[in-house]
Protein backbone atom coordinates (compact mmCIF):
# COMPACT_ATOMS: atom_id res chain seq x y z
CA UNK A 1 154.06 63.46 105.11
CA UNK A 2 157.41 64.66 106.41
CA UNK A 3 160.10 65.61 103.97
CA UNK A 4 163.86 65.42 103.95
CA UNK A 5 165.42 63.47 106.80
CA UNK A 6 162.35 63.56 109.06
CA UNK A 7 160.33 60.43 109.71
CA UNK A 8 156.68 60.37 108.74
CA UNK A 9 155.50 60.44 112.35
CA UNK A 10 157.89 63.16 113.57
CA UNK A 11 155.19 65.85 113.65
CA UNK A 12 152.92 63.64 115.73
CA UNK A 13 155.79 62.95 118.11
CA UNK A 14 156.46 66.68 118.47
CA UNK A 15 152.81 67.38 119.23
CA UNK A 16 152.74 64.55 121.78
CA UNK A 17 155.93 65.80 123.45
CA UNK A 18 154.55 69.35 123.67
CA UNK A 19 151.34 68.08 125.21
CA UNK A 20 153.14 65.86 127.73
CA UNK A 21 155.42 68.74 128.79
CA UNK A 22 152.43 71.03 129.34
CA UNK A 23 150.64 68.35 131.38
CA UNK A 24 153.77 67.77 133.48
CA UNK A 25 154.07 71.52 134.21
CA UNK A 26 150.42 71.72 135.27
CA UNK A 27 150.72 68.65 137.52
CA UNK A 28 153.80 70.15 139.19
CA UNK A 29 151.98 73.44 139.82
CA UNK A 30 148.97 71.58 141.21
CA UNK A 31 151.18 69.48 143.51
CA UNK A 32 152.96 72.57 144.80
CA UNK A 33 149.64 74.27 145.51
CA UNK A 34 148.05 71.16 147.01
CA UNK A 35 150.84 70.85 149.55
CA UNK A 36 149.08 73.67 151.38
CA UNK A 37 152.31 75.34 152.38
CA UNK A 38 151.40 78.98 152.03
CA UNK A 39 154.09 81.55 152.56
CA UNK A 40 153.72 83.99 155.43
CA UNK A 41 155.52 86.66 153.45
CA UNK A 42 155.34 87.47 149.75
CA UNK A 43 158.12 85.91 147.66
CA UNK A 44 158.51 89.13 145.67
CA UNK A 45 158.07 92.07 148.03
CA UNK A 46 158.40 90.42 151.49
CA UNK A 47 155.14 91.98 152.69
CA UNK A 48 153.04 89.79 155.01
CA UNK A 49 150.31 87.75 153.30
CA UNK A 50 147.01 88.06 155.20
CA UNK A 51 145.77 84.91 156.96
CA UNK A 52 142.46 85.11 155.08
CA UNK A 53 144.30 84.89 151.73
CA UNK A 54 146.44 81.98 152.94
CA UNK A 55 143.33 80.14 154.10
CA UNK A 56 141.42 80.84 150.88
CA UNK A 57 144.24 79.81 148.51
CA UNK A 58 146.37 76.93 149.83
CA UNK A 59 149.94 77.20 148.62
CA UNK A 60 149.81 80.94 147.94
CA UNK A 61 153.27 82.51 147.54
CA UNK A 62 152.49 86.16 146.67
CA UNK A 63 150.48 89.01 148.13
CA UNK A 64 147.45 90.34 146.28
CA UNK A 65 149.34 93.27 144.74
CA UNK A 66 152.24 91.20 143.37
CA UNK A 67 149.91 88.50 142.06
CA UNK A 68 147.76 91.14 140.34
CA UNK A 69 150.83 92.54 138.57
CA UNK A 70 151.83 89.03 137.42
CA UNK A 71 148.30 88.26 136.22
CA UNK A 72 148.15 91.45 134.14
CA UNK A 73 151.58 90.76 132.61
CA UNK A 74 150.88 87.09 131.79
CA UNK A 75 150.22 86.24 128.17
CA UNK A 76 149.46 82.72 126.99
CA UNK A 77 152.15 81.16 124.85
CA UNK A 78 151.41 81.13 121.16
CA UNK A 79 152.21 77.45 120.87
CA UNK A 80 152.93 75.88 117.53
CA UNK A 81 151.05 76.69 114.36
CA UNK A 82 149.96 73.17 113.49
CA UNK A 83 148.36 74.14 110.19
CA UNK A 84 151.32 76.00 108.73
CA UNK A 85 151.13 79.16 106.73
CA UNK A 86 149.18 79.52 103.49
CA UNK A 87 152.44 79.97 101.61
CA UNK A 88 153.80 76.63 102.78
CA UNK A 89 150.58 74.92 101.75
CA UNK A 90 150.72 76.36 98.23
CA UNK A 91 154.18 75.00 97.48
């Protein structure tokens, strides 16, 4: 039910593309972590990463402090409002 110049299936294609991109990002992250190549020193502060952390989390790139800061700052993306606003539905 697209309007204007858009094809009828353009919304479905957009949803599919968004999903495929998210899956590709997650697979890349998993592959990087599965390689098991943990850093000896933190990528952000250059402090040594303890051997116990490297053994517990294969592919770790940050020390506990830097990772904690990143985890607190991370917010999930809002994504796309698939339902639209109430105003657009009333038109």
